[in-house]
Amino acid sequence: MDEKINMQWMNNTLIPGIGDDKEEKVLFADYVSFQQSQTFHETCRDEINTTVYMPPETHMDKIQPVDAGCGRIMEVKIGQAWKDGWKRRTI
């Protein structure tokens, strides 16, 4: 995904999902390139009072277990279904 699409996701999904609560928050992010961008970190800080924390890459499955085990299988299946649907639309 490109920066423009990621910012649309952030503005239309992440920010409304977190709301305008002024309490400080921490967002655990993985190593998707967009989540590493300065724009993402600054927008989180400025718009939703959130600090982005990126733990060591080898520890993400401990913090976010959906990316490991059964959750990983589900992600692969969903990704494959999405690709199959996309192929049907472009043929």
PDB file of N, CA and C in Angstrom:
ATOM      1  N   MET A   1       0.841  -1.186   0.000  1.00  0.00           N
ATOM      2  CA  MET A   1       0.000   0.000   0.000  1.00  0.00           C
ATOM      3  C   MET A   1       0.881   1.242   0.000  1.00  0.00           C
ATOM      4  N   ASP A   2       0.358   2.276  -0.560  1.00  0.00           N
ATOM      5  CA  ASP A   2       1.146   3.497  -0.584  1.00  0.00           C
ATOM      6  C   ASP A   2       0.743   4.433   0.559  1.00  0.00           C
ATOM      7  N   GLU A   3       1.498   5.460   0.711  1.00  0.00           N
ATOM      8  CA  GLU A   3       1.309   6.415   1.819  1.00  0.00           C
ATOM      9  C   GLU A   3      -0.093   7.027   1.829  1.00  0.00           C
ATOM     10  N   LYS A   4      -0.608   7.367   0.656  1.00  0.00           N
ATOM     11  CA  LYS A   4      -1.928   7.997   0.577  1.00  0.00           C
ATOM     12  C   LYS A   4      -3.025   7.056   1.099  1.00  0.00           C
ATOM     13  N   ILE A   5      -2.993   5.813   0.667  1.00  0.00           N
ATOM     14  CA  ILE A   5      -3.993   4.828   1.121  1.00  0.00           C
ATOM     15  C   ILE A   5      -3.859   4.584   2.619  1.00  0.00           C
ATOM     16  N   ASN A   6      -2.646   4.487   3.106  1.00  0.00           N
ATOM     17  CA  ASN A   6      -2.431   4.271   4.537  1.00  0.00           C
ATOM     18  C   ASN A   6      -2.944   5.441   5.369  1.00  0.00           C
ATOM     19  N   MET A   7      -2.743   6.652   4.882  1.00  0.00           N
ATOM     20  CA  MET A   7      -3.256   7.817   5.621  1.00  0.00           C
ATOM     21  C   MET A   7      -4.781   7.852   5.584  1.00  0.00           C
ATOM     22  N   GLN A   8      -5.383   7.410   4.476  1.00  0.00           N
ATOM     23  CA  GLN A   8      -6.843   7.315   4.420  1.00  0.00           C
ATOM     24  C   GLN A   8      -7.337   6.318   5.459  1.00  0.00           C
ATOM     25  N   TRP A   9      -6.666   5.171   5.553  1.00  0.00           N
ATOM     26  CA  TRP A   9      -7.027   4.168   6.562  1.00  0.00           C
ATOM     27  C   TRP A   9      -6.906   4.767   7.963  1.00  0.00           C
ATOM     28  N   MET A  10      -5.825   5.471   8.187  1.00  0.00           N
ATOM     29  CA  MET A  10      -5.606   6.062   9.505  1.00  0.00           C
ATOM     30  C   MET A  10      -6.704   7.065   9.847  1.00  0.00           C
ATOM     31  N   ASN A  11      -7.019   7.950   8.895  1.00  0.00           N
ATOM     32  CA  ASN A  11      -8.023   8.985   9.142  1.00  0.00           C
ATOM     33  C   ASN A  11      -9.449   8.446   9.199  1.00  0.00           C
ATOM     34  N   ASN A  12      -9.742   7.392   8.447  1.00  0.00           N
ATOM     35  CA  ASN A  12     -11.100   6.869   8.374  1.00  0.00           C
ATOM     36  C   ASN A  12     -11.370   5.696   9.319  1.00  0.00           C
ATOM     37  N   THR A  13     -10.318   5.051   9.817  1.00  0.00           N
ATOM     38  CA  THR A  13     -10.505   3.857  10.642  1.00  0.00           C
ATOM     39  C   THR A  13      -9.832   3.983  12.013  1.00  0.00           C
ATOM     40  N   LEU A  14      -8.524   4.197  12.019  1.00  0.00           N
ATOM     41  CA  LEU A  14      -7.793   4.210  13.285  1.00  0.00           C
ATOM     42  C   LEU A  14      -8.219   5.366  14.189  1.00  0.00           C
ATOM     43  N   ILE A  15      -8.181   6.571  13.669  1.00  0.00           N
ATOM     44  CA  ILE A  15      -8.500   7.747  14.496  1.00  0.00           C
ATOM     45  C   ILE A  15      -9.951   7.702  14.994  1.00  0.00           C
ATOM     46  N   PRO A  16     -10.946   7.450  14.128  1.00  0.00           N
ATOM     47  CA  PRO A  16     -12.316   7.354  14.654  1.00  0.00           C
ATOM     48  C   PRO A  16     -12.491   6.183  15.626  1.00  0.00           C
ATOM     49  N   GLY A  17     -11.761   5.096  15.384  1.00  0.00           N
ATOM     50  CA  GLY A  17     -11.869   3.936  16.264  1.00  0.00           C
ATOM     51  C   GLY A  17     -11.348   4.205  17.667  1.00  0.00           C
ATOM     52  N   ILE A  18     -10.327   5.004  17.762  1.00  0.00           N
ATOM     53  CA  ILE A  18      -9.763   5.349  19.068  1.00  0.00           C
ATOM     54  C   ILE A  18     -10.554   6.482  19.697  1.00  0.00           C
ATOM     55  N   GLY A  19     -11.072   7.364  18.872  1.00  0.00           N
ATOM     56  CA  GLY A  19     -11.892   8.464  19.370  1.00  0.00           C
ATOM     57  C   GLY A  19     -11.071   9.648  19.835  1.00  0.00           C
ATOM     58  N   ASP A  20     -11.755  10.600  20.450  1.00  0.00           N
ATOM     59  CA  ASP A  20     -11.089  11.839  20.859  1.00  0.00           C
ATOM     60  C   ASP A  20     -10.753  11.867  22.346  1.00  0.00           C
ATOM     61  N   ASP A  21     -10.632  10.698  22.942  1.00  0.00           N
ATOM     62  CA  ASP A  21     -10.226  10.596  24.341  1.00  0.00           C
ATOM     63  C   ASP A  21      -8.842  11.224  24.498  1.00  0.00           C
ATOM     64  N   LYS A  22      -8.700  12.132  25.426  1.00  0.00           N
ATOM     65  CA  LYS A  22      -7.439  12.862  25.598  1.00  0.00           C
ATOM     66  C   LYS A  22      -6.407  12.089  26.421  1.00  0.00           C
ATOM     67  N   GLU A  23      -6.813  10.948  26.980  1.00  0.00           N
ATOM     68  CA  GLU A  23      -5.879  10.157  27.777  1.00  0.00           C
ATOM     69  C   GLU A  23      -4.762   9.610  26.883  1.00  0.00           C
ATOM     70  N   GLU A  24      -3.542   9.595  27.407  1.00  0.00           N
ATOM     71  CA  GLU A  24      -2.402   9.120  26.641  1.00  0.00           C
ATOM     72  C   GLU A  24      -2.516   7.620  26.398  1.00  0.00           C
ATOM     73  N   LYS A  25      -2.151   7.195  25.206  1.00  0.00           N
ATOM     74  CA  LYS A  25      -2.240   5.797  24.821  1.00  0.00           C
ATOM     75  C   LYS A  25      -0.921   5.328  24.217  1.00  0.00           C
ATOM     76  N   VAL A  26      -0.761   3.995  24.162  1.00  0.00           N
ATOM     77  CA  VAL A  26       0.393   3.387  23.503  1.00  0.00           C
ATOM     78  C   VAL A  26      -0.140   2.434  22.449  1.00  0.00           C
ATOM     79  N   LEU A  27       0.383   2.540  21.239  1.00  0.00           N
ATOM     80  CA  LEU A  27       0.013   1.656  20.149  1.00  0.00           C
ATOM     81  C   LEU A  27       1.210   0.767  19.850  1.00  0.00           C
ATOM     82  N   PHE A  28       1.030  -0.544  19.991  1.00  0.00           N
ATOM     83  CA  PHE A  28       2.082  -1.482  19.645  1.00  0.00           C
ATOM     84  C   PHE A  28       1.991  -1.755  18.151  1.00  0.00           C
ATOM     85  N   ALA A  29       3.007  -1.366  17.416  1.00  0.00           N
ATOM     86  CA  ALA A  29       3.009  -1.503  15.965  1.00  0.00           C
ATOM     87  C   ALA A  29       4.028  -2.554  15.552  1.00  0.00           C
ATOM     88  N   ASP A  30       3.721  -3.215  14.442  1.00  0.00           N
ATOM     89  CA  ASP A  30       4.709  -4.142  13.915  1.00  0.00           C
ATOM     90  C   ASP A  30       5.556  -3.414  12.880  1.00  0.00           C
ATOM     91  N   TYR A  31       6.228  -4.135  12.040  1.00  0.00           N
ATOM     92  CA  TYR A  31       7.218  -3.501  11.181  1.00  0.00           C
ATOM     93  C   TYR A  31       6.740  -3.294   9.751  1.00  0.00           C
ATOM     94  N   VAL A  32       5.441  -3.041   9.596  1.00  0.00           N
ATOM     95  CA  VAL A  32       4.920  -2.640   8.293  1.00  0.00           C
ATOM     96  C   VAL A  32       5.546  -1.285   7.986  1.00  0.00           C
ATOM     97  N   SER A  33       5.994  -1.094   6.761  1.00  0.00           N
ATOM     98  CA  SER A  33       6.755   0.130   6.453  1.00  0.00           C
ATOM     99  C   SER A  33       5.997   1.396   6.828  1.00  0.00           C
ATOM    100  N   PHE A  34       4.692   1.430   6.584  1.00  0.00           N
ATOM    101  CA  PHE A  34       3.915   2.626   6.920  1.00  0.00           C
ATOM    102  C   PHE A  34       3.975   2.941   8.404  1.00  0.00           C
ATOM    103  N   GLN A  35       3.936   1.907   9.235  1.00  0.00           N
ATOM    104  CA  GLN A  35       3.951   2.123  10.681  1.00  0.00           C
ATOM    105  C   GLN A  35       5.311   2.598  11.181  1.00  0.00           C
ATOM    106  N   GLN A  36       6.298   2.535  10.333  1.00  0.00           N
ATOM    107  CA  GLN A  36       7.616   3.023  10.692  1.00  0.00           C
ATOM    108  C   GLN A  36       7.821   4.481  10.269  1.00  0.00           C
ATOM    109  N   SER A  37       6.893   5.011   9.488  1.00  0.00           N
ATOM    110  CA  SER A  37       7.086   6.349   8.935  1.00  0.00           C
ATOM    111  C   SER A  37       6.920   7.438   9.998  1.00  0.00           C
ATOM    112  N   GLN A  38       7.643   8.499   9.806  1.00  0.00           N
ATOM    113  CA  GLN A  38       7.567   9.645  10.707  1.00  0.00           C
ATOM    114  C   GLN A  38       6.159  10.240  10.690  1.00  0.00           C
ATOM    115  N   THR A  39       5.524  10.262   9.524  1.00  0.00           N
ATOM    116  CA  THR A  39       4.166  10.797   9.396  1.00  0.00           C
ATOM    117  C   THR A  39       3.194  10.023  10.285  1.00  0.00           C
ATOM    118  N   PHE A  40       3.286   8.704  10.271  1.00  0.00           N
ATOM    119  CA  PHE A  40       2.416   7.864  11.096  1.00  0.00           C
ATOM    120  C   PHE A  40       2.612   8.176  12.577  1.00  0.00           C
ATOM    121  N   HIS A  41       3.865   8.220  13.009  1.00  0.00           N
ATOM    122  CA  HIS A  41       4.169   8.488  14.419  1.00  0.00           C
ATOM    123  C   HIS A  41       3.684   9.881  14.840  1.00  0.00           C
ATOM    124  N   GLU A  42       3.930  10.868  13.992  1.00  0.00           N
ATOM    125  CA  GLU A  42       3.514  12.243  14.323  1.00  0.00           C
ATOM    126  C   GLU A  42       1.991  12.377  14.346  1.00  0.00           C
ATOM    127  N   THR A  43       1.312  11.742  13.399  1.00  0.00           N
ATOM    128  CA  THR A  43      -0.147  11.815  13.368  1.00  0.00           C
ATOM    129  C   THR A  43      -0.747  11.137  14.594  1.00  0.00           C
ATOM    130  N   CYS A  44      -0.202   9.989  14.971  1.00  0.00           N
ATOM    131  CA  CYS A  44      -0.679   9.320  16.187  1.00  0.00           C
ATOM    132  C   CYS A  44      -0.496  10.224  17.401  1.00  0.00           C
ATOM    133  N   ARG A  45       0.663  10.839  17.495  1.00  0.00           N
ATOM    134  CA  ARG A  45       0.944  11.719  18.633  1.00  0.00           C
ATOM    135  C   ARG A  45       0.025  12.939  18.634  1.00  0.00           C
ATOM    136  N   ASP A  46      -0.096  13.577  17.490  1.00  0.00           N
ATOM    137  CA  ASP A  46      -0.821  14.852  17.416  1.00  0.00           C
ATOM    138  C   ASP A  46      -2.343  14.689  17.404  1.00  0.00           C
ATOM    139  N   GLU A  47      -2.851  13.665  16.737  1.00  0.00           N
ATOM    140  CA  GLU A  47      -4.289  13.523  16.555  1.00  0.00           C
ATOM    141  C   GLU A  47      -4.977  12.695  17.640  1.00  0.00           C
ATOM    142  N   ILE A  48      -4.294  11.670  18.151  1.00  0.00           N
ATOM    143  CA  ILE A  48      -4.966  10.770  19.103  1.00  0.00           C
ATOM    144  C   ILE A  48      -4.155  10.562  20.384  1.00  0.00           C
ATOM    145  N   ASN A  49      -3.192  11.450  20.622  1.00  0.00           N
ATOM    146  CA  ASN A  49      -2.390  11.406  21.850  1.00  0.00           C
ATOM    147  C   ASN A  49      -1.857   9.997  22.116  1.00  0.00           C
ATOM    148  N   THR A  50      -1.246   9.427  21.078  1.00  0.00           N
ATOM    149  CA  THR A  50      -0.783   8.045  21.144  1.00  0.00           C
ATOM    150  C   THR A  50       0.694   7.953  20.808  1.00  0.00           C
ATOM    151  N   THR A  51       1.430   7.235  21.633  1.00  0.00           N
ATOM    152  CA  THR A  51       2.825   6.938  21.376  1.00  0.00           C
ATOM    153  C   THR A  51       2.893   5.604  20.654  1.00  0.00           C
ATOM    154  N   VAL A  52       3.611   5.547  19.543  1.00  0.00           N
ATOM    155  CA  VAL A  52       3.784   4.303  18.801  1.00  0.00           C
ATOM    156  C   VAL A  52       5.022   3.609  19.339  1.00  0.00           C
ATOM    157  N   TYR A  53       4.844   2.379  19.789  1.00  0.00           N
ATOM    158  CA  TYR A  53       5.964   1.590  20.311  1.00  0.00           C
ATOM    159  C   TYR A  53       6.183   0.407  19.382  1.00  0.00           C
ATOM    160  N   MET A  54       7.416   0.243  18.956  1.00  0.00           N
ATOM    161  CA  MET A  54       7.765  -0.863  18.078  1.00  0.00           C
ATOM    162  C   MET A  54       8.731  -1.788  18.811  1.00  0.00           C
ATOM    163  N   PRO A  55       8.195  -2.874  19.370  1.00  0.00           N
ATOM    164  CA  PRO A  55       9.063  -3.814  20.091  1.00  0.00           C
ATOM    165  C   PRO A  55      10.004  -4.528  19.121  1.00  0.00           C
ATOM    166  N   PRO A  56      11.013  -5.200  19.655  1.00  0.00           N
ATOM    167  CA  PRO A  56      11.911  -5.942  18.766  1.00  0.00           C
ATOM    168  C   PRO A  56      11.111  -6.902  17.877  1.00  0.00           C
ATOM    169  N   GLU A  57      11.523  -7.035  16.629  1.00  0.00           N
ATOM    170  CA  GLU A  57      10.783  -7.861  15.667  1.00  0.00           C
ATOM    171  C   GLU A  57      10.550  -9.282  16.167  1.00  0.00           C
ATOM    172  N   THR A  58      11.474  -9.823  16.895  1.00  0.00           N
ATOM    173  CA  THR A  58      11.348 -11.211  17.360  1.00  0.00           C
ATOM    174  C   THR A  58      10.366 -11.354  18.522  1.00  0.00           C
ATOM    175  N   HIS A  59       9.777 -10.260  18.981  1.00  0.00           N
ATOM    176  CA  HIS A  59       8.854 -10.317  20.124  1.00  0.00           C
ATOM    177  C   HIS A  59       7.405 -10.018  19.760  1.00  0.00           C
ATOM    178  N   MET A  60       7.112  -9.714  18.499  1.00  0.00           N
ATOM    179  CA  MET A  60       5.751  -9.340  18.129  1.00  0.00           C
ATOM    180  C   MET A  60       4.740 -10.446  18.417  1.00  0.00           C
ATOM    181  N   ASP A  61       5.109 -11.708  18.200  1.00  0.00           N
ATOM    182  CA  ASP A  61       4.147 -12.788  18.421  1.00  0.00           C
ATOM    183  C   ASP A  61       3.795 -12.960  19.896  1.00  0.00           C
ATOM    184  N   LYS A  62       4.636 -12.440  20.788  1.00  0.00           N
ATOM    185  CA  LYS A  62       4.336 -12.507  22.222  1.00  0.00           C
ATOM    186  C   LYS A  62       3.345 -11.408  22.627  1.00  0.00           C
ATOM    187  N   ILE A  63       3.432 -10.265  21.963  1.00  0.00           N
ATOM    188  CA  ILE A  63       2.550  -9.138  22.254  1.00  0.00           C
ATOM    189  C   ILE A  63       1.256  -9.256  21.466  1.00  0.00           C
ATOM    190  N   GLN A  64       1.359  -9.722  20.239  1.00  0.00           N
ATOM    191  CA  GLN A  64       0.229  -9.799  19.330  1.00  0.00           C
ATOM    192  C   GLN A  64       0.122 -11.244  18.829  1.00  0.00           C
ATOM    193  N   PRO A  65      -0.398 -12.140  19.668  1.00  0.00           N
ATOM    194  CA  PRO A  65      -0.384 -13.565  19.328  1.00  0.00           C
ATOM    195  C   PRO A  65      -1.206 -13.929  18.097  1.00  0.00           C
ATOM    196  N   VAL A  66      -2.055 -13.040  17.614  1.00  0.00           N
ATOM    197  CA  VAL A  66      -2.821 -13.348  16.403  1.00  0.00           C
ATOM    198  C   VAL A  66      -1.897 -13.554  15.212  1.00  0.00           C
ATOM    199  N   ASP A  67      -0.695 -13.018  15.265  1.00  0.00           N
ATOM    200  CA  ASP A  67       0.257 -13.179  14.171  1.00  0.00           C
ATOM    201  C   ASP A  67       1.007 -14.508  14.227  1.00  0.00           C
ATOM    202  N   ALA A  68       0.707 -15.333  15.193  1.00  0.00           N
ATOM    203  CA  ALA A  68       1.391 -16.613  15.329  1.00  0.00           C
ATOM    204  C   ALA A  68       0.354 -17.729  15.451  1.00  0.00           C
ATOM    205  N   GLY A  69       0.759 -18.945  15.234  1.00  0.00           N
ATOM    206  CA  GLY A  69      -0.117 -20.096  15.434  1.00  0.00           C
ATOM    207  C   GLY A  69      -1.378 -20.043  14.596  1.00  0.00           C
ATOM    208  N   CYS A  70      -2.521 -20.286  15.243  1.00  0.00           N
ATOM    209  CA  CYS A  70      -3.815 -20.322  14.543  1.00  0.00           C
ATOM    210  C   CYS A  70      -4.117 -19.003  13.865  1.00  0.00           C
ATOM    211  N   GLY A  71      -3.756 -17.906  14.502  1.00  0.00           N
ATOM    212  CA  GLY A  71      -4.004 -16.594  13.908  1.00  0.00           C
ATOM    213  C   GLY A  71      -3.262 -16.425  12.597  1.00  0.00           C
ATOM    214  N   ARG A  72      -2.075 -16.971  12.525  1.00  0.00           N
ATOM    215  CA  ARG A  72      -1.288 -16.879  11.291  1.00  0.00           C
ATOM    216  C   ARG A  72      -1.990 -17.638  10.166  1.00  0.00           C
ATOM    217  N   ILE A  73      -2.515 -18.797  10.483  1.00  0.00           N
ATOM    218  CA  ILE A  73      -3.234 -19.585   9.482  1.00  0.00           C
ATOM    219  C   ILE A  73      -4.428 -18.787   8.965  1.00  0.00           C
ATOM    220  N   MET A  74      -5.145 -18.145   9.878  1.00  0.00           N
ATOM    221  CA  MET A  74      -6.302 -17.348   9.492  1.00  0.00           C
ATOM    222  C   MET A  74      -5.877 -16.186   8.582  1.00  0.00           C
ATOM    223  N   GLU A  75      -4.796 -15.500   8.928  1.00  0.00           N
ATOM    224  CA  GLU A  75      -4.320 -14.402   8.099  1.00  0.00           C
ATOM    225  C   GLU A  75      -3.982 -14.870   6.687  1.00  0.00           C
ATOM    226  N   VAL A  76      -3.350 -16.033   6.578  1.00  0.00           N
ATOM    227  CA  VAL A  76      -2.988 -16.569   5.266  1.00  0.00           C
ATOM    228  C   VAL A  76      -4.244 -16.875   4.458  1.00  0.00           C
ATOM    229  N   LYS A  77      -5.236 -17.497   5.099  1.00  0.00           N
ATOM    230  CA  LYS A  77      -6.489 -17.842   4.409  1.00  0.00           C
ATOM    231  C   LYS A  77      -7.226 -16.587   3.951  1.00  0.00           C
ATOM    232  N   ILE A  78      -7.314 -15.588   4.805  1.00  0.00           N
ATOM    233  CA  ILE A  78      -7.984 -14.340   4.439  1.00  0.00           C
ATOM    234  C   ILE A  78      -7.241 -13.659   3.290  1.00  0.00           C
ATOM    235  N   GLY A  79      -5.928 -13.629   3.366  1.00  0.00           N
ATOM    236  CA  GLY A  79      -5.127 -13.031   2.301  1.00  0.00           C
ATOM    237  C   GLY A  79      -5.325 -13.747   0.976  1.00  0.00           C
ATOM    238  N   GLN A  80      -5.378 -15.072   1.018  1.00  0.00           N
ATOM    239  CA  GLN A  80      -5.585 -15.836  -0.209  1.00  0.00           C
ATOM    240  C   GLN A  80      -6.974 -15.589  -0.780  1.00  0.00           C
ATOM    241  N   ALA A  81      -7.988 -15.545   0.079  1.00  0.00           N
ATOM    242  CA  ALA A  81      -9.361 -15.276  -0.377  1.00  0.00           C
ATOM    243  C   ALA A  81      -9.438 -13.885  -1.016  1.00  0.00           C
ATOM    244  N   TRP A  82      -8.763 -12.919  -0.422  1.00  0.00           N
ATOM    245  CA  TRP A  82      -8.756 -11.566  -0.976  1.00  0.00           C
ATOM    246  C   TRP A  82      -8.105 -11.555  -2.353  1.00  0.00           C
ATOM    247  N   LYS A  83      -6.966 -12.237  -2.475  1.00  0.00           N
ATOM    248  CA  LYS A  83      -6.276 -12.290  -3.769  1.00  0.00           C
ATOM    249  C   LYS A  83      -7.138 -12.975  -4.822  1.00  0.00           C
ATOM    250  N   ASP A  84      -7.814 -14.070  -4.437  1.00  0.00           N
ATOM    251  CA  ASP A  84      -8.679 -14.777  -5.379  1.00  0.00           C
ATOM    252  C   ASP A  84      -9.811 -13.873  -5.853  1.00  0.00           C
ATOM    253  N   GLY A  85     -10.417 -13.138  -4.925  1.00  0.00           N
ATOM    254  CA  GLY A  85     -11.487 -12.214  -5.281  1.00  0.00           C
ATOM    255  C   GLY A  85     -10.985 -11.099  -6.180  1.00  0.00           C
ATOM    256  N   TRP A  86      -9.797 -10.610  -5.892  1.00  0.00           N
ATOM    257  CA  TRP A  86      -9.212  -9.536  -6.698  1.00  0.00           C
ATOM    258  C   TRP A  86      -8.949 -10.042  -8.118  1.00  0.00           C
ATOM    259  N   LYS A  87      -8.432 -11.252  -8.240  1.00  0.00           N
ATOM    260  CA  LYS A  87      -8.161 -11.816  -9.575  1.00  0.00           C
ATOM    261  C   LYS A  87      -9.440 -11.931 -10.387  1.00  0.00           C
ATOM    262  N   ARG A  88     -10.533 -12.366  -9.747  1.00  0.00           N
ATOM    263  CA  ARG A  88     -11.804 -12.516 -10.462  1.00  0.00           C
ATOM    264  C   ARG A  88     -12.310 -11.162 -10.967  1.00  0.00           C
ATOM    265  N   ARG A  89     -12.062 -10.102 -10.201  1.00  0.00           N
ATOM    266  CA  ARG A  89     -12.533  -8.772 -10.612  1.00  0.00           C
ATOM    267  C   ARG A  89     -11.721  -8.199 -11.755  1.00  0.00           C
ATOM    268  N   THR A  90     -10.471  -8.612 -11.906  1.00  0.00           N
ATOM    269  CA  THR A  90      -9.599  -8.028 -12.922  1.00  0.00           C
ATOM    270  C   THR A  90      -9.573  -8.854 -14.205  1.00  0.00           C
ATOM    271  N   ILE A  91     -10.225  -9.982 -14.209  1.00  0.00           N
ATOM    272  CA  ILE A  91     -10.205 -10.844 -15.406  1.00  0.00           C
ATOM    273  C   ILE A  91     -11.290 -10.417 -16.365  1.00  0.00           C
TER     274      ILE A  91
END
